[in-house]
Amino acid sequence: MTTHKAGFVNILGNPNVGKSTIMNVLVGERISIITSKSQTTRHRIMGIVNGEDFQIVYSDTPGVIKPNYKLQESMMHYTHAAVEDADIILYVTDIFETKDKNAEFIEKVKNSNAPIILLINKIDLTTQEKVEILVEQWHNILPQAEILPLSGLHKFNVQPILKRIIELLPDSPPFFDKEQLTDKTERFFVQEIIREKILLNYQKEIPYSVEINVEEFKDTEKLLSIRAIIYVIKDSQKNIIIGNQGSAIKNVGIQARQDIEAFFGKKCFLELFVKVNANWRDNEKKLKSFGYEV
């Protein structure tokens, strides 16, 4: 009788090393939003890959930071929990990262009982010689890890990772329905799409001061009707988000609507509003309402 394998494969590492890109490549769907800004990922987002005799539950996690407010504490809670409950750890670094960045967290990964696959990302931007030096350096830091260089952006060397993950999965029945792609709701993905457009269109502290709440989500056969609130922490930020005569928020709305239509495969009517909530990043009740664990 053929056994079934299943497990949680948790993707960990510092900001901006390409965790979300690798997650999307491994899942084969655009689950996580991607920008060049740090702290793009705020939640733990699961992407589920099913085969006839296996189920891989990937988790994209926030990059490791030192928290300055309760939102960031919640983000790090997801990341530290992902070390604890991993069946396999994918620790992502890249060719630019200094080896001692967040050394305490690396030590926590090192002490995990889970198999570790260390991925050196962005190798398309360097030489073979430099990659070999990095492999040796990381072998000294995490001696028990299997080290695989790759380019998530160019999908180079991804197949060996998938093959090795399947080999390492424990025998287990599936954790989720075999048709399920993620643990997140449709509203969550709408919120993330809107937040991605804000990350891409605004500078400085604006994207880090913003949270999205979908207040209305009506799904009919041919049309999605969505009303979403963009929360900021200052009146001045509200003015910047809206822009001159509403031009900036209109631009965000157009870009978000296009992505929502592509994601759901139907037309979308999207309304965006901006509200000020000065303390939402440190307000436990508000953070819970946004779906964070505090």
C-alpha atoms as a PDB file:
ATOM      1  CA  MET A   1       0.000   0.000   0.000  1.00  0.00           C
ATOM      2  CA  THR A   2       1.329   3.458  -0.946  1.00  0.00           C
ATOM      3  CA  THR A   3       1.850   5.759   2.009  1.00  0.00           C
ATOM      4  CA  HIS A   4       0.812   9.389   1.957  1.00  0.00           C
ATOM      5  CA  LYS A   5       3.243  12.137   3.002  1.00  0.00           C
ATOM      6  CA  ALA A   6       2.367  15.579   4.343  1.00  0.00           C
ATOM      7  CA  GLY A   7       4.059  18.328   6.291  1.00  0.00           C
ATOM      8  CA  PHE A   8       4.576  21.991   7.030  1.00  0.00           C
ATOM      9  CA  VAL A   9       7.447  23.543   5.074  1.00  0.00           C
ATOM     10  CA  ASN A  10       8.132  26.933   6.605  1.00  0.00           C
ATOM     11  CA  ILE A  11      10.034  29.631   4.711  1.00  0.00           C
ATOM     12  CA  LEU A  12      12.168  31.773   7.034  1.00  0.00           C
ATOM     13  CA  GLY A  13      14.809  34.461   6.725  1.00  0.00           C
ATOM     14  CA  ASN A  14      15.572  38.162   6.862  1.00  0.00           C
ATOM     15  CA  PRO A  15      13.652  40.829   4.895  1.00  0.00           C
ATOM     16  CA  ASN A  16      14.219  41.247   1.167  1.00  0.00           C
ATOM     17  CA  VAL A  17      15.969  37.947   0.468  1.00  0.00           C
ATOM     18  CA  GLY A  18      13.147  36.704  -1.794  1.00  0.00           C
ATOM     19  CA  LYS A  19      11.043  34.484   0.497  1.00  0.00           C
ATOM     20  CA  SER A  20       7.732  35.492  -1.091  1.00  0.00           C
ATOM     21  CA  THR A  21       9.055  35.035  -4.631  1.00  0.00           C
ATOM     22  CA  ILE A  22      10.273  31.538  -3.729  1.00  0.00           C
ATOM     23  CA  MET A  23       6.947  30.753  -2.032  1.00  0.00           C
ATOM     24  CA  ASN A  24       4.994  31.721  -5.165  1.00  0.00           C
ATOM     25  CA  VAL A  25       7.313  29.722  -7.423  1.00  0.00           C
ATOM     26  CA  LEU A  26       7.040  26.605  -5.236  1.00  0.00           C
ATOM     27  CA  VAL A  27       3.247  26.893  -4.942  1.00  0.00           C
ATOM     28  CA  GLY A  28       2.819  27.732  -8.627  1.00  0.00           C
ATOM     29  CA  GLU A  29       0.371  30.539  -7.790  1.00  0.00           C
ATOM     30  CA  ARG A  30       0.700  34.170  -6.735  1.00  0.00           C
ATOM     31  CA  ILE A  31      -0.101  33.741  -3.053  1.00  0.00           C
ATOM     32  CA  SER A  32       2.200  36.335  -1.457  1.00  0.00           C
ATOM     33  CA  ILE A  33       2.562  39.960  -2.513  1.00  0.00           C
ATOM     34  CA  ILE A  34       6.046  40.987  -3.587  1.00  0.00           C
ATOM     35  CA  THR A  35       7.760  44.374  -3.461  1.00  0.00           C
ATOM     36  CA  SER A  36      11.325  45.549  -2.932  1.00  0.00           C
ATOM     37  CA  LYS A  37      10.390  47.081   0.431  1.00  0.00           C
ATOM     38  CA  SER A  38      11.143  45.284   3.677  1.00  0.00           C
ATOM     39  CA  GLN A  39       8.228  44.110   5.852  1.00  0.00           C
ATOM     40  CA  THR A  40       6.054  43.486   2.785  1.00  0.00           C
ATOM     41  CA  THR A  41       4.838  40.223   4.360  1.00  0.00           C
ATOM     42  CA  ARG A  42       2.987  40.840   7.634  1.00  0.00           C
ATOM     43  CA  HIS A  43       1.080  37.597   8.115  1.00  0.00           C
ATOM     44  CA  ARG A  44       1.929  33.925   7.948  1.00  0.00           C
ATOM     45  CA  ILE A  45       0.486  32.885   4.608  1.00  0.00           C
ATOM     46  CA  MET A  46       0.031  29.245   3.688  1.00  0.00           C
ATOM     47  CA  GLY A  47       0.165  27.865   0.164  1.00  0.00           C
ATOM     48  CA  ILE A  48      -0.794  24.233  -0.336  1.00  0.00           C
ATOM     49  CA  VAL A  49       0.629  21.949  -3.033  1.00  0.00           C
ATOM     50  CA  ASN A  50      -0.998  18.564  -3.565  1.00  0.00           C
ATOM     51  CA  GLY A  51       0.155  15.444  -5.347  1.00  0.00           C
ATOM     52  CA  GLU A  52      -1.495  12.053  -5.458  1.00  0.00           C
ATOM     53  CA  ASP A  53       0.538  10.815  -2.484  1.00  0.00           C
ATOM     54  CA  PHE A  54       1.730  14.037  -0.844  1.00  0.00           C
ATOM     55  CA  GLN A  55       0.640  17.421   0.484  1.00  0.00           C
ATOM     56  CA  ILE A  56       3.116  20.252   1.085  1.00  0.00           C
ATOM     57  CA  VAL A  57       1.871  23.113   3.248  1.00  0.00           C
ATOM     58  CA  TYR A  58       4.240  26.026   2.612  1.00  0.00           C
ATOM     59  CA  SER A  59       4.257  29.037   4.957  1.00  0.00           C
ATOM     60  CA  ASP A  60       5.587  32.423   3.897  1.00  0.00           C
ATOM     61  CA  THR A  61       6.559  34.367   7.017  1.00  0.00           C
ATOM     62  CA  PRO A  62       7.519  37.970   7.830  1.00  0.00           C
ATOM     63  CA  GLY A  63      11.226  38.751   7.597  1.00  0.00           C
ATOM     64  CA  VAL A  64      13.107  38.800  10.889  1.00  0.00           C
ATOM     65  CA  ILE A  65      13.176  42.258  12.493  1.00  0.00           C
ATOM     66  CA  LYS A  66      13.477  43.761  15.973  1.00  0.00           C
ATOM     67  CA  PRO A  67       9.930  44.925  16.831  1.00  0.00           C
ATOM     68  CA  ASN A  68       9.176  48.583  17.547  1.00  0.00           C
ATOM     69  CA  TYR A  69       5.409  48.282  18.066  1.00  0.00           C
ATOM     70  CA  LYS A  70       2.716  45.635  18.601  1.00  0.00           C
ATOM     71  CA  LEU A  71       2.114  45.031  14.887  1.00  0.00           C
ATOM     72  CA  GLN A  72       5.768  44.042  14.477  1.00  0.00           C
ATOM     73  CA  GLU A  73       5.597  41.919  17.648  1.00  0.00           C
ATOM     74  CA  SER A  74       2.709  40.021  16.042  1.00  0.00           C
ATOM     75  CA  MET A  75       4.700  39.623  12.821  1.00  0.00           C
ATOM     76  CA  MET A  76       7.612  38.118  14.772  1.00  0.00           C
ATOM     77  CA  HIS A  77       5.231  35.830  16.663  1.00  0.00           C
ATOM     78  CA  TYR A  78       4.313  34.228  13.313  1.00  0.00           C
ATOM     79  CA  THR A  79       7.970  33.870  12.375  1.00  0.00           C
ATOM     80  CA  HIS A  80       9.117  32.327  15.667  1.00  0.00           C
ATOM     81  CA  ALA A  81       6.097  29.982  15.725  1.00  0.00           C
ATOM     82  CA  ALA A  82       7.059  28.828  12.223  1.00  0.00           C
ATOM     83  CA  VAL A  83      10.418  27.612  13.562  1.00  0.00           C
ATOM     84  CA  GLU A  84       8.666  25.591  16.256  1.00  0.00           C
ATOM     85  CA  ASP A  85       6.052  23.818  14.130  1.00  0.00           C
ATOM     86  CA  ALA A  86       8.063  23.179  10.964  1.00  0.00           C
ATOM     87  CA  ASP A  87       8.421  19.679   9.562  1.00  0.00           C
ATOM     88  CA  ILE A  88      10.996  21.149   7.169  1.00  0.00           C
ATOM     89  CA  ILE A  89      12.641  24.595   7.364  1.00  0.00           C
ATOM     90  CA  LEU A  90      13.519  26.470   4.186  1.00  0.00           C
ATOM     91  CA  TYR A  91      15.938  29.137   5.393  1.00  0.00           C
ATOM     92  CA  VAL A  92      16.382  31.748   2.669  1.00  0.00           C
ATOM     93  CA  THR A  93      19.403  33.989   2.339  1.00  0.00           C
ATOM     94  CA  ASP A  94      20.826  35.727  -0.716  1.00  0.00           C
ATOM     95  CA  ILE A  95      24.158  36.708  -2.208  1.00  0.00           C
ATOM     96  CA  PHE A  96      24.117  40.187  -0.593  1.00  0.00           C
ATOM     97  CA  GLU A  97      23.278  39.348   3.004  1.00  0.00           C
ATOM     98  CA  THR A  98      25.824  39.563   5.807  1.00  0.00           C
ATOM     99  CA  LYS A  99      26.100  36.219   7.607  1.00  0.00           C
ATOM    100  CA  ASP A 100      25.753  37.651  11.112  1.00  0.00           C
ATOM    101  CA  LYS A 101      22.466  39.486  10.489  1.00  0.00           C
ATOM    102  CA  ASN A 102      19.964  38.420  13.191  1.00  0.00           C
ATOM    103  CA  ALA A 103      22.413  35.836  14.544  1.00  0.00           C
ATOM    104  CA  GLU A 104      20.092  35.013  17.466  1.00  0.00           C
ATOM    105  CA  PHE A 105      17.377  33.883  15.074  1.00  0.00           C
ATOM    106  CA  ILE A 106      19.841  31.794  13.061  1.00  0.00           C
ATOM    107  CA  GLU A 107      20.822  30.111  16.342  1.00  0.00           C
ATOM    108  CA  LYS A 108      17.153  29.299  16.952  1.00  0.00           C
ATOM    109  CA  VAL A 109      16.927  27.732  13.491  1.00  0.00           C
ATOM    110  CA  LYS A 110      20.141  25.809  14.179  1.00  0.00           C
ATOM    111  CA  ASN A 111      18.606  24.323  17.352  1.00  0.00           C
ATOM    112  CA  SER A 112      15.470  23.157  15.564  1.00  0.00           C
ATOM    113  CA  ASN A 113      14.869  19.429  15.208  1.00  0.00           C
ATOM    114  CA  ALA A 114      13.469  19.879  11.704  1.00  0.00           C
ATOM    115  CA  PRO A 115      15.555  19.199   8.581  1.00  0.00           C
ATOM    116  CA  ILE A 116      16.922  22.483   7.197  1.00  0.00           C
ATOM    117  CA  ILE A 117      17.294  23.336   3.526  1.00  0.00           C
ATOM    118  CA  LEU A 118      19.234  26.577   3.167  1.00  0.00           C
ATOM    119  CA  LEU A 119      18.523  28.407  -0.076  1.00  0.00           C
ATOM    120  CA  ILE A 120      21.020  30.962  -1.399  1.00  0.00           C
ATOM    121  CA  ASN A 121      18.852  33.141  -3.630  1.00  0.00           C
ATOM    122  CA  LYS A 122      19.675  35.587  -6.466  1.00  0.00           C
ATOM    123  CA  ILE A 123      22.662  33.623  -7.766  1.00  0.00           C
ATOM    124  CA  ASP A 124      21.937  35.070 -11.236  1.00  0.00           C
ATOM    125  CA  LEU A 125      23.522  38.288  -9.893  1.00  0.00           C
ATOM    126  CA  THR A 126      26.925  36.827  -9.030  1.00  0.00           C
ATOM    127  CA  THR A 127      29.589  34.324 -10.137  1.00  0.00           C
ATOM    128  CA  GLN A 128      29.936  30.591  -9.558  1.00  0.00           C
ATOM    129  CA  GLU A 129      33.105  31.232  -7.564  1.00  0.00           C
ATOM    130  CA  LYS A 130      31.327  33.579  -5.132  1.00  0.00           C
ATOM    131  CA  VAL A 131      28.462  31.127  -4.741  1.00  0.00           C
ATOM    132  CA  GLU A 132      30.912  28.391  -3.764  1.00  0.00           C
ATOM    133  CA  ILE A 133      32.427  30.697  -1.117  1.00  0.00           C
ATOM    134  CA  LEU A 134      28.946  31.434   0.269  1.00  0.00           C
ATOM    135  CA  VAL A 135      28.081  27.726   0.380  1.00  0.00           C
ATOM    136  CA  GLU A 136      31.203  27.093   2.453  1.00  0.00           C
ATOM    137  CA  GLN A 137      30.483  30.008   4.801  1.00  0.00           C
ATOM    138  CA  TRP A 138      26.899  28.906   5.389  1.00  0.00           C
ATOM    139  CA  HIS A 139      28.001  25.313   5.892  1.00  0.00           C
ATOM    140  CA  ASN A 140      30.109  26.531   8.817  1.00  0.00           C
ATOM    141  CA  ILE A 141      27.164  28.480  10.290  1.00  0.00           C
ATOM    142  CA  LEU A 142      24.476  25.792   9.776  1.00  0.00           C
ATOM    143  CA  PRO A 143      26.426  22.533   9.409  1.00  0.00           C
ATOM    144  CA  GLN A 144      23.314  20.337   9.437  1.00  0.00           C
ATOM    145  CA  ALA A 145      21.642  22.241   6.580  1.00  0.00           C
ATOM    146  CA  GLU A 146      21.491  21.071   2.989  1.00  0.00           C
ATOM    147  CA  ILE A 147      22.504  24.071   0.873  1.00  0.00           C
ATOM    148  CA  LEU A 148      20.961  24.748  -2.534  1.00  0.00           C
ATOM    149  CA  PRO A 149      21.750  27.866  -4.611  1.00  0.00           C
ATOM    150  CA  LEU A 150      18.876  29.144  -6.778  1.00  0.00           C
ATOM    151  CA  SER A 151      17.292  32.101  -8.519  1.00  0.00           C
ATOM    152  CA  GLY A 152      13.664  32.410  -7.438  1.00  0.00           C
ATOM    153  CA  LEU A 153      13.040  35.206  -9.945  1.00  0.00           C
ATOM    154  CA  HIS A 154      14.257  33.110 -12.880  1.00  0.00           C
ATOM    155  CA  LYS A 155      12.964  29.803 -11.443  1.00  0.00           C
ATOM    156  CA  PHE A 156      16.451  28.341 -11.711  1.00  0.00           C
ATOM    157  CA  ASN A 157      17.244  25.205  -9.679  1.00  0.00           C
ATOM    158  CA  VAL A 158      13.715  25.007  -8.204  1.00  0.00           C
ATOM    159  CA  GLN A 159      12.972  21.385  -9.185  1.00  0.00           C
ATOM    160  CA  PRO A 160      15.715  19.875  -6.967  1.00  0.00           C
ATOM    161  CA  ILE A 161      14.195  21.756  -3.999  1.00  0.00           C
ATOM    162  CA  LEU A 162      10.737  20.311  -4.627  1.00  0.00           C
ATOM    163  CA  LYS A 163      12.189  16.809  -5.087  1.00  0.00           C
ATOM    164  CA  ARG A 164      14.127  17.040  -1.809  1.00  0.00           C
ATOM    165  CA  ILE A 165      11.128  18.418   0.110  1.00  0.00           C
ATOM    166  CA  ILE A 166       8.979  15.482  -0.985  1.00  0.00           C
ATOM    167  CA  GLU A 167      11.723  13.062   0.092  1.00  0.00           C
ATOM    168  CA  LEU A 168      11.904  14.685   3.548  1.00  0.00           C
ATOM    169  CA  LEU A 169       8.150  14.906   4.195  1.00  0.00           C
ATOM    170  CA  PRO A 170       6.928  12.706   7.075  1.00  0.00           C
ATOM    171  CA  ASP A 171       4.303  10.015   6.480  1.00  0.00           C
ATOM    172  CA  SER A 172       0.970  11.660   7.264  1.00  0.00           C
ATOM    173  CA  PRO A 173      -2.557  12.036   5.931  1.00  0.00           C
ATOM    174  CA  PRO A 174      -3.263  15.453   4.351  1.00  0.00           C
ATOM    175  CA  PHE A 175      -3.898  18.360   6.723  1.00  0.00           C
ATOM    176  CA  PHE A 176      -6.191  20.202   4.304  1.00  0.00           C
ATOM    177  CA  ASP A 177      -8.694  19.293   1.611  1.00  0.00           C
ATOM    178  CA  LYS A 178      -6.825  18.288  -1.534  1.00  0.00           C
ATOM    179  CA  GLU A 179      -8.577  21.031  -3.532  1.00  0.00           C
ATOM    180  CA  GLN A 180      -7.536  23.778  -1.111  1.00  0.00           C
ATOM    181  CA  LEU A 181      -4.844  26.231  -2.224  1.00  0.00           C
ATOM    182  CA  THR A 182      -4.431  28.370   0.906  1.00  0.00           C
ATOM    183  CA  ASP A 183      -5.692  28.925   4.448  1.00  0.00           C
ATOM    184  CA  LYS A 184      -6.572  32.568   3.734  1.00  0.00           C
ATOM    185  CA  THR A 185      -9.949  34.045   2.770  1.00  0.00           C
ATOM    186  CA  GLU A 186     -10.851  35.890  -0.425  1.00  0.00           C
ATOM    187  CA  ARG A 187     -11.102  39.137   1.588  1.00  0.00           C
ATOM    188  CA  PHE A 188      -7.535  38.644   2.795  1.00  0.00           C
ATOM    189  CA  PHE A 189      -6.201  38.489  -0.764  1.00  0.00           C
ATOM    190  CA  VAL A 190      -8.123  41.626  -1.738  1.00  0.00           C
ATOM    191  CA  GLN A 191      -6.589  43.440   1.251  1.00  0.00           C
ATOM    192  CA  GLU A 192      -3.101  42.242   0.314  1.00  0.00           C
ATOM    193  CA  ILE A 193      -3.506  43.312  -3.329  1.00  0.00           C
ATOM    194  CA  ILE A 194      -4.537  46.826  -2.247  1.00  0.00           C
ATOM    195  CA  ARG A 195      -1.672  46.985   0.274  1.00  0.00           C
ATOM    196  CA  GLU A 196       0.800  45.896  -2.404  1.00  0.00           C
ATOM    197  CA  LYS A 197      -0.264  48.816  -4.610  1.00  0.00           C
ATOM    198  CA  ILE A 198       0.292  51.208  -1.702  1.00  0.00           C
ATOM    199  CA  LEU A 199       3.756  49.720  -1.122  1.00  0.00           C
ATOM    200  CA  LEU A 200       4.547  50.254  -4.796  1.00  0.00           C
ATOM    201  CA  ASN A 201       3.083  53.767  -5.162  1.00  0.00           C
ATOM    202  CA  TYR A 202       4.085  55.564  -1.966  1.00  0.00           C
ATOM    203  CA  GLN A 203       7.416  56.281  -0.314  1.00  0.00           C
ATOM    204  CA  LYS A 204       8.969  56.637   3.153  1.00  0.00           C
ATOM    205  CA  GLU A 205       6.790  55.739   6.138  1.00  0.00           C
ATOM    206  CA  ILE A 206       3.441  55.706   4.309  1.00  0.00           C
ATOM    207  CA  PRO A 207       3.291  51.955   3.440  1.00  0.00           C
ATOM    208  CA  TYR A 208       4.288  50.988   6.994  1.00  0.00           C
ATOM    209  CA  SER A 209       1.509  53.140   8.462  1.00  0.00           C
ATOM    210  CA  VAL A 210      -1.239  51.564   6.346  1.00  0.00           C
ATOM    211  CA  GLU A 211      -3.627  48.679   6.950  1.00  0.00           C
ATOM    212  CA  ILE A 212      -6.564  47.611   4.786  1.00  0.00           C
ATOM    213  CA  ASN A 213      -9.977  46.382   5.892  1.00  0.00           C
ATOM    214  CA  VAL A 214     -12.487  45.030   3.375  1.00  0.00           C
ATOM    215  CA  GLU A 215     -15.832  46.148   4.768  1.00  0.00           C
ATOM    216  CA  GLU A 216     -17.975  44.772   1.955  1.00  0.00           C
ATOM    217  CA  PHE A 217     -17.345  41.829  -0.363  1.00  0.00           C
ATOM    218  CA  LYS A 218     -20.274  40.879  -2.615  1.00  0.00           C
ATOM    219  CA  ASP A 219     -19.606  38.098  -5.086  1.00  0.00           C
ATOM    220  CA  THR A 220     -22.142  37.517  -7.846  1.00  0.00           C
ATOM    221  CA  GLU A 221     -21.789  35.393 -10.966  1.00  0.00           C
ATOM    222  CA  LYS A 222     -20.383  38.222 -13.099  1.00  0.00           C
ATOM    223  CA  LEU A 223     -19.272  40.935 -10.675  1.00  0.00           C
ATOM    224  CA  LEU A 224     -17.381  41.488  -7.435  1.00  0.00           C
ATOM    225  CA  SER A 225     -18.472  44.556  -5.457  1.00  0.00           C
ATOM    226  CA  ILE A 226     -15.864  45.537  -2.889  1.00  0.00           C
ATOM    227  CA  ARG A 227     -15.641  48.418  -0.429  1.00  0.00           C
ATOM    228  CA  ALA A 228     -12.345  48.760   1.425  1.00  0.00           C
ATOM    229  CA  ILE A 229     -11.009  51.152   4.049  1.00  0.00           C
ATOM    230  CA  ILE A 230      -7.363  52.238   3.992  1.00  0.00           C
ATOM    231  CA  TYR A 231      -6.307  53.077   7.561  1.00  0.00           C
ATOM    232  CA  VAL A 232      -3.435  55.489   8.207  1.00  0.00           C
ATOM    233  CA  ILE A 233      -2.039  56.947  11.437  1.00  0.00           C
ATOM    234  CA  LYS A 234      -1.919  60.686  10.530  1.00  0.00           C
ATOM    235  CA  ASP A 235      -4.099  63.238   8.716  1.00  0.00           C
ATOM    236  CA  SER A 236      -1.096  64.204   6.595  1.00  0.00           C
ATOM    237  CA  GLN A 237      -0.809  60.571   5.420  1.00  0.00           C
ATOM    238  CA  LYS A 238      -4.493  60.558   4.514  1.00  0.00           C
ATOM    239  CA  ASN A 239      -3.906  63.585   2.272  1.00  0.00           C
ATOM    240  CA  ILE A 240      -0.906  61.901   0.612  1.00  0.00           C
ATOM    241  CA  ILE A 241      -2.832  58.650   0.015  1.00  0.00           C
ATOM    242  CA  ILE A 242      -5.712  60.564  -1.593  1.00  0.00           C
ATOM    243  CA  GLY A 243      -3.461  62.876  -3.605  1.00  0.00           C
ATOM    244  CA  ASN A 244      -4.298  66.020  -5.547  1.00  0.00           C
ATOM    245  CA  GLN A 245      -8.022  65.882  -6.406  1.00  0.00           C
ATOM    246  CA  GLY A 246      -8.009  62.162  -5.596  1.00  0.00           C
ATOM    247  CA  SER A 247      -5.483  61.306  -8.301  1.00  0.00           C
ATOM    248  CA  ALA A 248      -3.231  59.074  -6.164  1.00  0.00           C
ATOM    249  CA  ILE A 249      -5.960  56.904  -4.668  1.00  0.00           C
ATOM    250  CA  LYS A 250      -7.605  56.627  -8.079  1.00  0.00           C
ATOM    251  CA  ASN A 251      -4.354  55.231  -9.459  1.00  0.00           C
ATOM    252  CA  VAL A 252      -4.118  52.688  -6.593  1.00  0.00           C
ATOM    253  CA  GLY A 253      -7.747  51.714  -7.215  1.00  0.00           C
ATOM    254  CA  ILE A 254      -7.191  51.100 -10.928  1.00  0.00           C
ATOM    255  CA  GLN A 255      -4.084  48.958 -10.330  1.00  0.00           C
ATOM    256  CA  ALA A 256      -5.732  46.996  -7.502  1.00  0.00           C
ATOM    257  CA  ARG A 257      -8.930  46.419  -9.501  1.00  0.00           C
ATOM    258  CA  GLN A 258      -6.939  45.018 -12.438  1.00  0.00           C
ATOM    259  CA  ASP A 259      -5.136  42.542 -10.164  1.00  0.00           C
ATOM    260  CA  ILE A 260      -8.350  41.585  -8.333  1.00  0.00           C
ATOM    261  CA  GLU A 261     -10.057  40.892 -11.667  1.00  0.00           C
ATOM    262  CA  ALA A 262      -7.110  38.731 -12.769  1.00  0.00           C
ATOM    263  CA  PHE A 263      -7.065  36.888  -9.401  1.00  0.00           C
ATOM    264  CA  PHE A 264     -10.808  36.117  -9.323  1.00  0.00           C
ATOM    265  CA  GLY A 265     -11.448  35.917 -13.068  1.00  0.00           C
ATOM    266  CA  LYS A 266     -14.344  38.369 -13.119  1.00  0.00           C
ATOM    267  CA  LYS A 267     -15.129  42.086 -13.247  1.00  0.00           C
ATOM    268  CA  CYS A 268     -14.736  44.105 -10.053  1.00  0.00           C
ATOM    269  CA  PHE A 269     -16.305  47.319  -8.780  1.00  0.00           C
ATOM    270  CA  LEU A 270     -13.890  48.632  -6.133  1.00  0.00           C
ATOM    271  CA  GLU A 271     -14.486  51.547  -3.768  1.00  0.00           C
ATOM    272  CA  LEU A 272     -11.635  52.821  -1.588  1.00  0.00           C
ATOM    273  CA  PHE A 273     -11.931  55.135   1.406  1.00  0.00           C
ATOM    274  CA  VAL A 274      -9.225  56.497   3.734  1.00  0.00           C
ATOM    275  CA  LYS A 275      -9.613  56.835   7.514  1.00  0.00           C
ATOM    276  CA  VAL A 276      -7.227  57.941  10.258  1.00  0.00           C
ATOM    277  CA  ASN A 277      -6.659  55.680  13.273  1.00  0.00           C
ATOM    278  CA  ALA A 278      -3.675  57.138  15.082  1.00  0.00           C
ATOM    279  CA  ASN A 279      -2.781  54.116  17.182  1.00  0.00           C
ATOM    280  CA  TRP A 280      -3.808  51.058  15.165  1.00  0.00           C
ATOM    281  CA  ARG A 281      -0.274  49.544  15.111  1.00  0.00           C
ATOM    282  CA  ASP A 282      -0.208  49.419  18.941  1.00  0.00           C
ATOM    283  CA  ASN A 283      -3.915  48.748  19.557  1.00  0.00           C
ATOM    284  CA  GLU A 284      -4.528  45.059  20.373  1.00  0.00           C
ATOM    285  CA  LYS A 285      -8.255  45.230  19.654  1.00  0.00           C
ATOM    286  CA  LYS A 286      -7.667  46.864  16.274  1.00  0.00           C
ATOM    287  CA  LEU A 287      -4.883  44.435  15.372  1.00  0.00           C
ATOM    288  CA  LYS A 288      -7.159  41.484  16.197  1.00  0.00           C
ATOM    289  CA  SER A 289      -9.853  42.983  13.958  1.00  0.00           C
ATOM    290  CA  PHE A 290      -7.265  43.036  11.154  1.00  0.00           C
ATOM    291  CA  GLY A 291      -6.547  39.335  11.723  1.00  0.00           C
ATOM    292  CA  TYR A 292      -3.276  39.560  13.663  1.00  0.00           C
ATOM    293  CA  GLU A 293      -2.461  37.374  16.658  1.00  0.00           C
ATOM    294  CA  VAL A 294      -1.566  39.551  19.650  1.00  0.00           C
END
